Amino acid sequence: QVAEVGGSISVEEEGEDGARFQVHRVQRGGKVTYHCPGQLVGYPIVDLARHQQDIDWYLRSIENVLISVLDSYGVKAGTIDGLTGVWVDGKKIAAVGVGASRWVTLHGWALNIDNDMQGFKRIVPCGIADRPVCCLKDFLCDDCPPVSEVREKVTEAFMAAFDLDAVRMPSPLSSK
């Protein structure tokens, strides 16, 4: 379990239950997010000089990719004005936080698929205290696809949206 902290905010590394997070400070927009098994975390490296040199455009494009994949499972997702990420019924299903150095992107998204949501109770996800988080399993129950299936769909949608060819690398982490 990992808490990722953007910007210059502080986070408690130990929860009320005494469980500890690994806390990593990163150079990206946004506040605190949480990574755990059952999420699809994507950190693509894209040269925006070959697309649009516009971080907001890139962030919104990622949101649209994730929305289209969720729609393919019959889950009606969208965005909320003034907030980043992807939302279903007012609940955040995907956090998006990006940065760039010389227009080469850093960071990306965490899409909650079939993960233990308890870790989110120990942080204020993305600094938004009045909005809950959810996962795909909340909507699809026993029909929730494995992370590997969703990863393939997101990869295909991302490549199509940015007119890219993927370079596939073996994952250092096992996933569902």
N, C-alpha and C. Protein backbone atom coordinates (compact mmCIF):
# COMPACT_ATOMS: atom_id res chain seq x y z
N GLN A 1 0.84 -1.17 0.00
CA GLN A 1 0.00 0.00 0.00
C GLN A 1 0.89 1.23 0.00
N VAL A 2 0.57 2.15 -0.89
CA VAL A 2 1.40 3.32 -1.08
C VAL A 2 0.53 4.56 -1.13
N ALA A 3 0.93 5.60 -0.41
CA ALA A 3 0.31 6.92 -0.55
C ALA A 3 1.28 7.76 -1.36
N GLU A 4 0.78 8.41 -2.38
CA GLU A 4 1.60 9.27 -3.23
C GLU A 4 1.18 10.70 -2.99
N VAL A 5 2.15 11.56 -2.66
CA VAL A 5 1.87 12.92 -2.26
C VAL A 5 2.46 13.88 -3.29
N GLY A 6 1.60 14.69 -3.92
CA GLY A 6 2.05 15.72 -4.82
C GLY A 6 2.10 17.05 -4.10
N GLY A 7 2.78 18.00 -4.66
CA GLY A 7 2.83 19.33 -4.05
C GLY A 7 3.60 19.33 -2.75
N SER A 8 3.23 20.21 -1.85
CA SER A 8 3.99 20.37 -0.61
C SER A 8 3.12 20.19 0.62
N ILE A 9 2.24 19.19 0.60
CA ILE A 9 1.37 18.96 1.75
C ILE A 9 1.96 17.84 2.60
N SER A 10 1.46 17.71 3.80
CA SER A 10 1.93 16.64 4.67
C SER A 10 0.88 15.55 4.75
N VAL A 11 1.31 14.37 5.10
CA VAL A 11 0.41 13.23 5.25
C VAL A 11 0.88 12.41 6.44
N GLU A 12 -0.07 11.92 7.20
CA GLU A 12 0.26 11.03 8.30
C GLU A 12 0.64 9.68 7.71
N GLU A 13 1.78 9.15 8.12
CA GLU A 13 2.22 7.88 7.60
C GLU A 13 1.65 6.71 8.35
N GLU A 14 0.99 6.98 9.46
CA GLU A 14 0.40 5.90 10.24
C GLU A 14 -1.06 6.20 10.47
N GLY A 15 -1.91 5.24 10.18
CA GLY A 15 -3.33 5.43 10.38
C GLY A 15 -3.73 5.15 11.81
N GLU A 16 -5.00 5.39 12.10
CA GLU A 16 -5.53 5.16 13.45
C GLU A 16 -5.37 3.70 13.87
N ASP A 17 -5.38 2.79 12.91
CA ASP A 17 -5.26 1.37 13.24
C ASP A 17 -3.81 0.94 13.41
N GLY A 18 -2.85 1.88 13.28
CA GLY A 18 -1.44 1.56 13.43
C GLY A 18 -0.80 1.05 12.16
N ALA A 19 -1.60 0.77 11.12
CA ALA A 19 -1.02 0.31 9.86
C ALA A 19 -0.25 1.45 9.21
N ARG A 20 0.81 1.10 8.53
CA ARG A 20 1.67 2.13 7.93
C ARG A 20 1.57 2.10 6.41
N PHE A 21 1.70 3.28 5.84
CA PHE A 21 1.79 3.45 4.39
C PHE A 21 3.26 3.65 4.04
N GLN A 22 3.60 3.31 2.82
CA GLN A 22 4.82 3.84 2.23
C GLN A 22 4.40 5.17 1.63
N VAL A 23 5.07 6.25 2.00
CA VAL A 23 4.72 7.57 1.50
C VAL A 23 5.82 8.03 0.55
N HIS A 24 5.41 8.44 -0.65
CA HIS A 24 6.34 8.91 -1.66
C HIS A 24 5.93 10.30 -2.11
N ARG A 25 6.83 11.25 -2.00
CA ARG A 25 6.58 12.60 -2.51
C ARG A 25 7.00 12.63 -3.98
N VAL A 26 6.13 13.21 -4.79
CA VAL A 26 6.36 13.20 -6.23
C VAL A 26 6.17 14.60 -6.79
N GLN A 27 6.69 14.80 -7.98
CA GLN A 27 6.58 16.09 -8.67
C GLN A 27 5.46 16.01 -9.70
N ARG A 28 4.27 16.28 -9.25
CA ARG A 28 3.11 16.33 -10.14
C ARG A 28 2.07 17.21 -9.48
N GLY A 29 1.04 17.54 -10.23
CA GLY A 29 -0.06 18.28 -9.66
C GLY A 29 -0.88 17.38 -8.75
N GLY A 30 -1.75 17.97 -8.00
CA GLY A 30 -2.64 17.20 -7.15
C GLY A 30 -2.11 17.05 -5.74
N LYS A 31 -2.87 16.34 -4.94
CA LYS A 31 -2.52 16.16 -3.54
C LYS A 31 -2.19 14.70 -3.27
N VAL A 32 -2.95 14.03 -2.40
CA VAL A 32 -2.62 12.67 -2.00
C VAL A 32 -3.48 11.67 -2.76
N THR A 33 -2.86 10.61 -3.23
CA THR A 33 -3.59 9.49 -3.78
C THR A 33 -3.05 8.22 -3.15
N TYR A 34 -3.74 7.14 -3.38
CA TYR A 34 -3.45 5.87 -2.74
C TYR A 34 -3.38 4.79 -3.80
N HIS A 35 -2.34 3.96 -3.74
CA HIS A 35 -2.19 2.86 -4.69
C HIS A 35 -2.17 1.54 -3.95
N CYS A 36 -2.89 0.57 -4.51
CA CYS A 36 -2.96 -0.75 -3.88
C CYS A 36 -3.31 -1.79 -4.94
N PRO A 37 -3.17 -3.07 -4.61
CA PRO A 37 -3.57 -4.11 -5.56
C PRO A 37 -5.05 -3.97 -5.92
N GLY A 38 -5.35 -4.28 -7.18
CA GLY A 38 -6.72 -4.15 -7.66
C GLY A 38 -6.97 -2.86 -8.41
N GLN A 39 -5.98 -1.98 -8.42
CA GLN A 39 -6.05 -0.75 -9.22
C GLN A 39 -5.27 -0.95 -10.51
N LEU A 40 -5.65 -0.19 -11.51
CA LEU A 40 -4.84 -0.09 -12.72
C LEU A 40 -4.15 1.26 -12.66
N VAL A 41 -2.86 1.24 -12.43
CA VAL A 41 -2.07 2.46 -12.36
C VAL A 41 -1.30 2.58 -13.67
N GLY A 42 -1.52 3.67 -14.37
CA GLY A 42 -0.85 3.90 -15.65
C GLY A 42 -0.03 5.18 -15.61
N TYR A 43 1.24 5.06 -15.92
CA TYR A 43 2.14 6.21 -15.97
C TYR A 43 2.80 6.26 -17.34
N PRO A 44 2.05 6.61 -18.38
CA PRO A 44 2.63 6.63 -19.73
C PRO A 44 3.64 7.77 -19.89
N ILE A 45 4.58 7.53 -20.77
CA ILE A 45 5.58 8.55 -21.11
C ILE A 45 5.27 8.97 -22.54
N VAL A 46 4.81 10.21 -22.67
CA VAL A 46 4.38 10.73 -23.97
C VAL A 46 5.08 12.06 -24.21
N ASP A 47 5.62 12.23 -25.41
CA ASP A 47 6.23 13.49 -25.80
C ASP A 47 5.12 14.39 -26.37
N LEU A 48 4.68 15.34 -25.54
CA LEU A 48 3.58 16.20 -25.97
C LEU A 48 3.97 17.13 -27.11
N ALA A 49 5.25 17.29 -27.36
CA ALA A 49 5.67 18.08 -28.52
C ALA A 49 5.18 17.43 -29.82
N ARG A 50 4.89 16.14 -29.77
CA ARG A 50 4.37 15.44 -30.95
C ARG A 50 2.85 15.45 -31.00
N HIS A 51 2.22 16.04 -29.99
CA HIS A 51 0.76 16.08 -29.92
C HIS A 51 0.34 17.53 -29.71
N GLN A 52 0.05 17.89 -28.46
CA GLN A 52 -0.25 19.28 -28.09
C GLN A 52 0.55 19.60 -26.84
N GLN A 53 1.24 20.72 -26.85
CA GLN A 53 2.00 21.13 -25.68
C GLN A 53 1.06 21.83 -24.71
N ASP A 54 0.22 21.00 -24.09
CA ASP A 54 -0.84 21.51 -23.24
C ASP A 54 -1.17 20.45 -22.19
N ILE A 55 -0.76 20.66 -20.96
CA ILE A 55 -0.98 19.69 -19.89
C ILE A 55 -2.47 19.47 -19.64
N ASP A 56 -3.27 20.54 -19.67
CA ASP A 56 -4.70 20.38 -19.43
C ASP A 56 -5.33 19.51 -20.52
N TRP A 57 -4.93 19.71 -21.77
CA TRP A 57 -5.43 18.88 -22.87
C TRP A 57 -5.07 17.42 -22.62
N TYR A 58 -3.85 17.15 -22.20
CA TYR A 58 -3.40 15.79 -21.95
C TYR A 58 -4.20 15.15 -20.80
N LEU A 59 -4.36 15.89 -19.73
CA LEU A 59 -5.12 15.39 -18.58
C LEU A 59 -6.55 15.06 -18.99
N ARG A 60 -7.20 15.97 -19.70
CA ARG A 60 -8.59 15.74 -20.15
C ARG A 60 -8.66 14.57 -21.13
N SER A 61 -7.62 14.39 -21.93
CA SER A 61 -7.59 13.25 -22.86
C SER A 61 -7.51 11.93 -22.10
N ILE A 62 -6.72 11.88 -21.04
CA ILE A 62 -6.66 10.68 -20.21
C ILE A 62 -8.03 10.40 -19.60
N GLU A 63 -8.66 11.43 -19.05
CA GLU A 63 -10.01 11.25 -18.49
C GLU A 63 -10.94 10.65 -19.53
N ASN A 64 -10.89 11.15 -20.76
CA ASN A 64 -11.78 10.65 -21.81
C ASN A 64 -11.49 9.20 -22.17
N VAL A 65 -10.22 8.82 -22.15
CA VAL A 65 -9.86 7.42 -22.40
C VAL A 65 -10.50 6.53 -21.34
N LEU A 66 -10.35 6.90 -20.08
CA LEU A 66 -10.89 6.09 -18.99
C LEU A 66 -12.42 6.05 -19.03
N ILE A 67 -13.04 7.18 -19.35
CA ILE A 67 -14.50 7.23 -19.48
C ILE A 67 -14.97 6.27 -20.57
N SER A 68 -14.27 6.25 -21.70
CA SER A 68 -14.69 5.36 -22.80
C SER A 68 -14.55 3.89 -22.42
N VAL A 69 -13.51 3.55 -21.67
CA VAL A 69 -13.33 2.16 -21.24
C VAL A 69 -14.44 1.77 -20.25
N LEU A 70 -14.72 2.64 -19.30
CA LEU A 70 -15.80 2.35 -18.34
C LEU A 70 -17.13 2.20 -19.06
N ASP A 71 -17.36 3.03 -20.07
CA ASP A 71 -18.59 2.94 -20.86
C ASP A 71 -18.70 1.57 -21.55
N SER A 72 -17.56 1.01 -21.96
CA SER A 72 -17.58 -0.31 -22.62
C SER A 72 -18.05 -1.40 -21.67
N TYR A 73 -18.00 -1.14 -20.37
CA TYR A 73 -18.52 -2.08 -19.37
C TYR A 73 -19.93 -1.69 -18.90
N GLY A 74 -20.52 -0.68 -19.54
CA GLY A 74 -21.86 -0.25 -19.18
C GLY A 74 -21.91 0.68 -17.98
N VAL A 75 -20.77 1.21 -17.58
CA VAL A 75 -20.70 2.13 -16.44
C VAL A 75 -20.60 3.55 -17.00
N LYS A 76 -21.59 4.37 -16.68
CA LYS A 76 -21.67 5.74 -17.19
C LYS A 76 -20.84 6.68 -16.31
N ALA A 77 -19.64 6.97 -16.75
CA ALA A 77 -18.71 7.82 -16.02
C ALA A 77 -18.62 9.18 -16.71
N GLY A 78 -18.06 10.14 -16.01
CA GLY A 78 -17.87 11.47 -16.58
C GLY A 78 -16.90 12.28 -15.73
N THR A 79 -16.90 13.56 -15.99
CA THR A 79 -16.07 14.48 -15.22
C THR A 79 -16.98 15.42 -14.45
N ILE A 80 -16.40 16.13 -13.50
CA ILE A 80 -17.11 17.13 -12.73
C ILE A 80 -16.35 18.44 -12.89
N ASP A 81 -17.07 19.50 -13.29
CA ASP A 81 -16.43 20.80 -13.49
C ASP A 81 -15.63 21.21 -12.26
N GLY A 82 -14.40 21.62 -12.51
CA GLY A 82 -13.54 22.11 -11.44
C GLY A 82 -12.76 21.03 -10.71
N LEU A 83 -13.02 19.77 -11.01
CA LEU A 83 -12.33 18.66 -10.36
C LEU A 83 -11.67 17.77 -11.42
N THR A 84 -10.52 17.21 -11.10
CA THR A 84 -9.89 16.28 -12.03
C THR A 84 -10.35 14.86 -11.70
N GLY A 85 -10.10 13.97 -12.61
CA GLY A 85 -10.43 12.57 -12.41
C GLY A 85 -11.70 12.17 -13.11
N VAL A 86 -12.06 10.90 -12.90
CA VAL A 86 -13.24 10.32 -13.52
C VAL A 86 -14.20 9.93 -12.41
N TRP A 87 -15.47 10.22 -12.64
CA TRP A 87 -16.49 10.11 -11.60
C TRP A 87 -17.68 9.28 -12.08
N VAL A 88 -18.28 8.54 -11.15
CA VAL A 88 -19.51 7.79 -11.42
C VAL A 88 -20.47 8.12 -10.27
N ASP A 89 -21.59 8.68 -10.60
CA ASP A 89 -22.61 9.02 -9.58
C ASP A 89 -22.02 9.84 -8.44
N GLY A 90 -21.15 10.80 -8.77
CA GLY A 90 -20.57 11.67 -7.76
C GLY A 90 -19.44 11.06 -6.95
N LYS A 91 -19.03 9.84 -7.30
CA LYS A 91 -17.94 9.17 -6.62
C LYS A 91 -16.74 9.05 -7.57
N LYS A 92 -15.54 9.24 -7.03
CA LYS A 92 -14.34 9.19 -7.86
C LYS A 92 -13.90 7.75 -8.06
N ILE A 93 -13.83 7.36 -9.33
CA ILE A 93 -13.39 6.01 -9.68
C ILE A 93 -11.96 6.01 -10.22
N ALA A 94 -11.48 7.16 -10.67
CA ALA A 94 -10.11 7.25 -11.18
C ALA A 94 -9.50 8.60 -10.83
N ALA A 95 -8.33 8.54 -10.22
CA ALA A 95 -7.55 9.74 -9.94
C ALA A 95 -6.62 9.97 -11.12
N VAL A 96 -6.45 11.22 -11.50
CA VAL A 96 -5.55 11.57 -12.59
C VAL A 96 -4.66 12.71 -12.10
N GLY A 97 -3.37 12.52 -12.20
CA GLY A 97 -2.41 13.56 -11.82
C GLY A 97 -1.22 13.47 -12.74
N VAL A 98 -0.93 14.52 -13.46
CA VAL A 98 0.14 14.48 -14.45
C VAL A 98 1.10 15.64 -14.25
N GLY A 99 2.23 15.49 -14.84
CA GLY A 99 3.23 16.54 -14.89
C GLY A 99 4.01 16.33 -16.18
N ALA A 100 4.93 17.22 -16.45
CA ALA A 100 5.77 17.07 -17.64
C ALA A 100 7.10 17.79 -17.40
N SER A 101 8.10 17.27 -18.03
CA SER A 101 9.40 17.91 -18.06
C SER A 101 9.81 18.02 -19.51
N ARG A 102 9.98 19.24 -19.97
CA ARG A 102 10.28 19.49 -21.39
C ARG A 102 9.25 18.84 -22.30
N TRP A 103 7.99 18.88 -21.86
CA TRP A 103 6.83 18.36 -22.56
C TRP A 103 6.80 16.84 -22.67
N VAL A 104 7.60 16.15 -21.88
CA VAL A 104 7.52 14.70 -21.78
C VAL A 104 6.78 14.40 -20.49
N THR A 105 5.71 13.63 -20.59
CA THR A 105 4.80 13.45 -19.46
C THR A 105 5.38 12.55 -18.37
N LEU A 106 4.91 12.84 -17.17
CA LEU A 106 5.22 12.07 -15.97
C LEU A 106 3.89 11.76 -15.29
N HIS A 107 3.83 10.67 -14.58
CA HIS A 107 2.67 10.28 -13.79
C HIS A 107 1.47 9.98 -14.69
N GLY A 108 0.30 9.85 -14.14
CA GLY A 108 -0.84 9.43 -14.95
C GLY A 108 -2.10 9.23 -14.15
N TRP A 109 -2.55 7.96 -13.99
CA TRP A 109 -3.85 7.71 -13.38
C TRP A 109 -3.80 6.46 -12.50
N ALA A 110 -4.82 6.38 -11.66
CA ALA A 110 -5.10 5.17 -10.89
C ALA A 110 -6.60 4.91 -11.01
N LEU A 111 -6.95 3.85 -11.70
CA LEU A 111 -8.34 3.46 -11.91
C LEU A 111 -8.67 2.34 -10.92
N ASN A 112 -9.64 2.59 -10.06
CA ASN A 112 -10.05 1.60 -9.06
C ASN A 112 -10.93 0.54 -9.74
N ILE A 113 -10.46 -0.70 -9.71
CA ILE A 113 -11.20 -1.78 -10.36
C ILE A 113 -11.80 -2.73 -9.32
N ASP A 114 -10.96 -3.43 -8.62
CA ASP A 114 -11.42 -4.40 -7.62
C ASP A 114 -10.45 -4.35 -6.45
N ASN A 115 -10.37 -3.22 -5.81
CA ASN A 115 -9.39 -3.02 -4.75
C ASN A 115 -10.07 -2.80 -3.40
N ASP A 116 -9.29 -3.03 -2.37
CA ASP A 116 -9.74 -2.78 -1.00
C ASP A 116 -9.76 -1.27 -0.81
N MET A 117 -10.93 -0.73 -0.54
CA MET A 117 -11.10 0.72 -0.47
C MET A 117 -10.75 1.29 0.92
N GLN A 118 -10.38 0.44 1.86
CA GLN A 118 -10.12 0.90 3.23
C GLN A 118 -8.98 1.92 3.31
N GLY A 119 -7.98 1.79 2.46
CA GLY A 119 -6.85 2.72 2.49
C GLY A 119 -7.26 4.16 2.22
N PHE A 120 -8.34 4.34 1.46
CA PHE A 120 -8.81 5.69 1.17
C PHE A 120 -9.37 6.38 2.40
N LYS A 121 -9.75 5.61 3.40
CA LYS A 121 -10.28 6.19 4.63
C LYS A 121 -9.17 6.86 5.46
N ARG A 122 -7.93 6.57 5.13
CA ARG A 122 -6.80 7.11 5.88
C ARG A 122 -6.20 8.36 5.24
N ILE A 123 -6.73 8.76 4.11
CA ILE A 123 -6.26 9.97 3.44
C ILE A 123 -7.48 10.79 3.03
N VAL A 124 -7.24 11.99 2.56
CA VAL A 124 -8.27 12.78 1.88
C VAL A 124 -7.92 12.67 0.40
N PRO A 125 -8.58 11.74 -0.32
CA PRO A 125 -8.19 11.48 -1.70
C PRO A 125 -8.20 12.75 -2.55
N CYS A 126 -7.05 13.03 -3.11
CA CYS A 126 -6.86 14.17 -4.01
C CYS A 126 -7.23 15.50 -3.33
N GLY A 127 -7.27 15.52 -2.00
CA GLY A 127 -7.60 16.73 -1.27
C GLY A 127 -9.08 17.09 -1.32
N ILE A 128 -9.94 16.16 -1.73
CA ILE A 128 -11.36 16.41 -1.86
C ILE A 128 -12.09 15.66 -0.74
N ALA A 129 -12.40 16.37 0.33
CA ALA A 129 -12.94 15.72 1.53
C ALA A 129 -14.41 15.32 1.41
N ASP A 130 -15.17 16.01 0.57
CA ASP A 130 -16.62 15.78 0.54
C ASP A 130 -17.09 14.87 -0.59
N ARG A 131 -16.17 14.14 -1.21
CA ARG A 131 -16.55 13.25 -2.31
C ARG A 131 -15.98 11.87 -2.04
N PRO A 132 -16.81 10.83 -2.05
CA PRO A 132 -16.31 9.47 -1.82
C PRO A 132 -15.62 8.90 -3.06
N VAL A 133 -14.92 7.81 -2.85
CA VAL A 133 -14.30 7.07 -3.95
C VAL A 133 -15.05 5.76 -4.13
N CYS A 134 -14.90 5.17 -5.30
CA CYS A 134 -15.57 3.91 -5.60
C CYS A 134 -14.66 3.09 -6.50
N CYS A 135 -15.10 1.87 -6.79
CA CYS A 135 -14.35 1.03 -7.73
C CYS A 135 -15.34 0.36 -8.69
N LEU A 136 -14.81 -0.16 -9.78
CA LEU A 136 -15.63 -0.78 -10.81
C LEU A 136 -16.48 -1.92 -10.25
N LYS A 137 -15.92 -2.66 -9.31
CA LYS A 137 -16.67 -3.78 -8.71
C LYS A 137 -17.95 -3.30 -8.01
N ASP A 138 -17.95 -2.06 -7.51
CA ASP A 138 -19.16 -1.52 -6.88
C ASP A 138 -20.35 -1.52 -7.85
N PHE A 139 -20.07 -1.43 -9.13
CA PHE A 139 -21.13 -1.34 -10.14
C PHE A 139 -21.36 -2.66 -10.87
N LEU A 140 -20.30 -3.46 -11.00
CA LEU A 140 -20.42 -4.71 -11.77
C LEU A 140 -20.48 -5.95 -10.90
N CYS A 141 -20.24 -5.80 -9.60
CA CYS A 141 -20.31 -6.91 -8.64
C CYS A 141 -19.51 -8.11 -9.13
N ASP A 142 -20.12 -9.27 -9.20
CA ASP A 142 -19.40 -10.49 -9.60
C ASP A 142 -18.98 -10.48 -11.06
N ASP A 143 -19.53 -9.56 -11.86
CA ASP A 143 -19.15 -9.47 -13.26
C ASP A 143 -17.96 -8.55 -13.49
N CYS A 144 -17.33 -8.09 -12.42
CA CYS A 144 -16.18 -7.19 -12.55
C CYS A 144 -15.04 -7.92 -13.25
N PRO A 145 -14.49 -7.32 -14.30
CA PRO A 145 -13.40 -7.97 -15.03
C PRO A 145 -12.10 -7.91 -14.22
N PRO A 146 -11.15 -8.78 -14.54
CA PRO A 146 -9.85 -8.70 -13.89
C PRO A 146 -9.07 -7.47 -14.36
N VAL A 147 -8.13 -7.03 -13.55
CA VAL A 147 -7.31 -5.87 -13.89
C VAL A 147 -6.64 -6.07 -15.25
N SER A 148 -6.19 -7.29 -15.53
CA SER A 148 -5.49 -7.55 -16.79
C SER A 148 -6.37 -7.25 -18.00
N GLU A 149 -7.66 -7.56 -17.92
CA GLU A 149 -8.57 -7.27 -19.03
C GLU A 149 -8.77 -5.76 -19.19
N VAL A 150 -8.97 -5.08 -18.09
CA VAL A 150 -9.15 -3.62 -18.15
C VAL A 150 -7.88 -2.96 -18.67
N ARG A 151 -6.72 -3.47 -18.24
CA ARG A 151 -5.44 -2.92 -18.72
C ARG A 151 -5.36 -2.98 -20.24
N GLU A 152 -5.77 -4.10 -20.82
CA GLU A 152 -5.73 -4.23 -22.28
C GLU A 152 -6.64 -3.21 -22.94
N LYS A 153 -7.85 -3.04 -22.41
CA LYS A 153 -8.78 -2.07 -22.99
C LYS A 153 -8.26 -0.64 -22.86
N VAL A 154 -7.71 -0.31 -21.70
CA VAL A 154 -7.17 1.04 -21.50
C VAL A 154 -5.98 1.27 -22.42
N THR A 155 -5.11 0.28 -22.54
CA THR A 155 -3.95 0.41 -23.43
C THR A 155 -4.40 0.67 -24.87
N GLU A 156 -5.36 -0.10 -25.35
CA GLU A 156 -5.86 0.08 -26.71
C GLU A 156 -6.49 1.46 -26.89
N ALA A 157 -7.31 1.88 -25.93
CA ALA A 157 -7.97 3.19 -26.03
C ALA A 157 -6.96 4.33 -25.96
N PHE A 158 -5.96 4.19 -25.11
CA PHE A 158 -4.93 5.22 -24.98
C PHE A 158 -4.13 5.33 -26.28
N MET A 159 -3.72 4.19 -26.82
CA MET A 159 -2.96 4.21 -28.07
C MET A 159 -3.76 4.84 -29.20
N ALA A 160 -5.05 4.52 -29.27
CA ALA A 160 -5.89 5.09 -30.32
C ALA A 160 -6.04 6.60 -30.12
N ALA A 161 -6.25 7.03 -28.89
CA ALA A 161 -6.47 8.46 -28.62
C ALA A 161 -5.24 9.29 -28.96
N PHE A 162 -4.06 8.73 -28.78
CA PHE A 162 -2.82 9.48 -29.01
C PHE A 162 -2.07 9.02 -30.25
N ASP A 163 -2.71 8.15 -31.04
CA ASP A 163 -2.11 7.64 -32.27
C ASP A 163 -0.70 7.10 -32.01
N LEU A 164 -0.63 6.16 -31.06
CA LEU A 164 0.66 5.60 -30.62
C LEU A 164 0.71 4.11 -30.86
N ASP A 165 1.92 3.59 -30.87
CA ASP A 165 2.16 2.16 -30.80
C ASP A 165 2.74 1.89 -29.42
N ALA A 166 2.25 0.87 -28.76
CA ALA A 166 2.73 0.56 -27.40
C ALA A 166 4.03 -0.21 -27.46
N VAL A 167 4.89 0.08 -26.52
CA VAL A 167 6.08 -0.72 -26.27
C VAL A 167 5.77 -1.49 -25.01
N ARG A 168 5.57 -2.78 -25.16
CA ARG A 168 5.15 -3.61 -24.01
C ARG A 168 6.36 -4.09 -23.23
N MET A 169 6.30 -3.85 -21.94
CA MET A 169 7.35 -4.28 -21.03
C MET A 169 6.71 -5.20 -20.00
N PRO A 170 7.43 -6.17 -19.51
CA PRO A 170 6.85 -7.00 -18.45
C PRO A 170 6.65 -6.16 -17.19
N SER A 171 5.54 -6.38 -16.51
CA SER A 171 5.23 -5.65 -15.29
C SER A 171 6.04 -6.19 -14.14
N PRO A 172 6.66 -5.31 -13.35
CA PRO A 172 7.39 -5.78 -12.18
C PRO A 172 6.46 -6.19 -11.04
N LEU A 173 5.17 -5.85 -11.17
CA LEU A 173 4.20 -6.17 -10.14
C LEU A 173 3.20 -7.17 -10.67
N SER A 174 2.78 -8.07 -9.86
CA SER A 174 1.72 -8.98 -10.27
C SER A 174 0.39 -8.28 -10.05
N SER A 175 -0.58 -8.60 -10.87
CA SER A 175 -1.92 -8.02 -10.72
C SER A 175 -2.95 -9.08 -11.00
N LYS A 176 -4.17 -8.72 -10.69
CA LYS A 176 -5.28 -9.67 -10.89
C LYS A 176 -5.54 -9.88 -12.36
